[in-house]
C-alpha cells in the first residue's frame, strides 16, 4: 500500500469516529506523523516504512500491510484517545 492510500484510510476512519486529525511529513525520512485530537486531548502516532527510534506509537508499513490492518490500528488509536479524554474529564491520570 502506498502512503497516500494509508493516509486516505486514516482520514476516513478518524472522520467516522468524529475526531480531528493533523498531519505532518517528516523532513528527514518517509515517515508521516498524525495528531489525533478532540478538544484539548490529543494522541500522536506515526506511519513509517522503517523501524522507530522513539517511543511514538508507530504503524510500520510493508508489502504485507492491508487496509484492514490500517483500519484496526486507527480504530484502536481512536479508542485510546476516548479513554484518555474520559480520564481527563474525570480528573484521573491512570
Protein backbone atom coordinates (compact mmCIF):
# COMPACT_ATOMS: atom_id res chain seq x y z
CA UNK A 1 0.00 0.00 0.00
CA UNK A 2 1.17 3.49 -0.70
CA UNK A 3 1.37 6.25 1.91
CA UNK A 4 -1.43 8.06 0.05
CA UNK A 5 -3.75 5.05 0.35
CA UNK A 6 -2.93 4.69 4.03
CA UNK A 7 -3.50 8.39 4.67
CA UNK A 8 -6.88 8.18 2.93
CA UNK A 9 -7.91 5.24 5.13
CA UNK A 10 -6.74 7.05 8.27
CA UNK A 11 -8.69 10.21 7.36
CA UNK A 12 -11.86 8.20 6.66
CA UNK A 13 -11.67 6.23 9.92
CA UNK A 14 -10.93 9.31 12.04
CA UNK A 15 -13.79 11.18 10.39
CA UNK A 16 -16.12 8.24 11.03
CA UNK A 17 -15.15 8.28 14.73
CA UNK A 18 -15.77 12.04 14.98
CA UNK A 19 -12.25 13.12 15.92
CA UNK A 20 -9.91 15.66 14.34
CA UNK A 21 -6.61 14.97 12.62
CA UNK A 22 -3.46 16.93 11.83
CA UNK A 23 -0.81 15.53 9.50
CA UNK A 24 2.88 16.31 9.14
CA UNK A 25 5.50 14.72 6.94
CA UNK A 26 8.98 14.10 8.28
CA UNK A 27 11.70 16.28 6.80
CA UNK A 28 14.32 13.57 7.07
CA UNK A 29 12.50 10.34 6.19
CA UNK A 30 9.40 8.89 4.57
CA UNK A 31 7.54 8.91 7.89
CA UNK A 32 4.29 10.75 8.36
CA UNK A 33 3.14 11.98 11.77
CA UNK A 34 -0.50 12.24 12.78
CA UNK A 35 -2.03 14.08 15.72
CA UNK A 36 -5.44 12.71 16.62
CA UNK A 37 -7.35 15.10 18.87
CA UNK A 38 -10.64 16.13 20.42
CA UNK A 39 -10.82 19.48 22.23
CA UNK A 40 -7.58 19.68 24.22
CA UNK A 41 -6.93 15.93 24.39
CA UNK A 42 -4.55 14.53 21.79
CA UNK A 43 -2.62 11.44 20.78
CA UNK A 44 0.39 11.31 18.46
CA UNK A 45 1.31 8.41 16.20
CA UNK A 46 3.37 7.87 13.08
CA UNK A 47 3.26 5.78 9.94
CA UNK A 48 6.61 4.63 8.58
CA UNK A 49 8.27 2.00 6.43
CA UNK A 50 11.19 1.63 8.82
CA UNK A 51 11.79 0.86 12.48
CA UNK A 52 11.19 3.50 15.08
CA UNK A 53 13.89 5.02 17.23
CA UNK A 54 11.49 6.85 19.52
CA UNK A 55 8.67 5.95 21.85
CA UNK A 56 5.98 7.27 19.49
CA UNK A 57 3.39 4.64 18.59
CA UNK A 58 4.13 3.56 15.03
CA UNK A 59 2.23 1.73 12.33
CA UNK A 60 5.04 0.12 10.37
CA UNK A 61 4.06 -0.44 6.77
CA UNK A 62 5.45 -3.01 4.38
CA UNK A 63 4.25 -5.16 1.50
CA UNK A 64 2.02 -7.17 3.88
CA UNK A 65 0.11 -4.11 5.16
CA UNK A 66 -3.60 -4.31 4.36
CA UNK A 67 -6.48 -1.85 4.58
CA UNK A 68 -7.93 -3.97 7.39
CA UNK A 69 -4.74 -3.70 9.46
CA UNK A 70 -4.63 0.09 8.98
CA UNK A 71 -8.31 0.39 9.97
CA UNK A 72 -7.68 -1.75 13.07
CA UNK A 73 -4.71 0.38 14.10
CA UNK A 74 -6.71 3.62 13.71
CA UNK A 75 -9.76 2.23 15.50
CA UNK A 76 -7.52 1.32 18.43
CA UNK A 77 -5.92 4.78 18.47
CA UNK A 78 -9.38 6.39 18.48
CA UNK A 79 -10.34 4.14 21.39
CA UNK A 80 -7.13 5.14 23.21
CA UNK A 81 -7.97 8.81 22.68
CA UNK A 82 -11.50 8.27 24.01
CA UNK A 83 -10.12 6.61 27.15
CA UNK A 84 -7.57 9.39 27.61
CA UNK A 85 -10.32 12.00 27.21
CA UNK A 86 -12.56 10.27 29.76
CA UNK A 87 -9.73 10.07 32.29
CA UNK A 88 -9.00 13.77 31.86
CA UNK A 89 -12.67 14.64 32.31
CA UNK A 90 -12.86 12.54 35.47
CA UNK A 91 -9.66 14.11 36.80
CA UNK A 92 -7.61 10.93 36.94
CA UNK A 93 -4.28 10.17 35.36
CA UNK A 94 -4.35 6.37 35.48
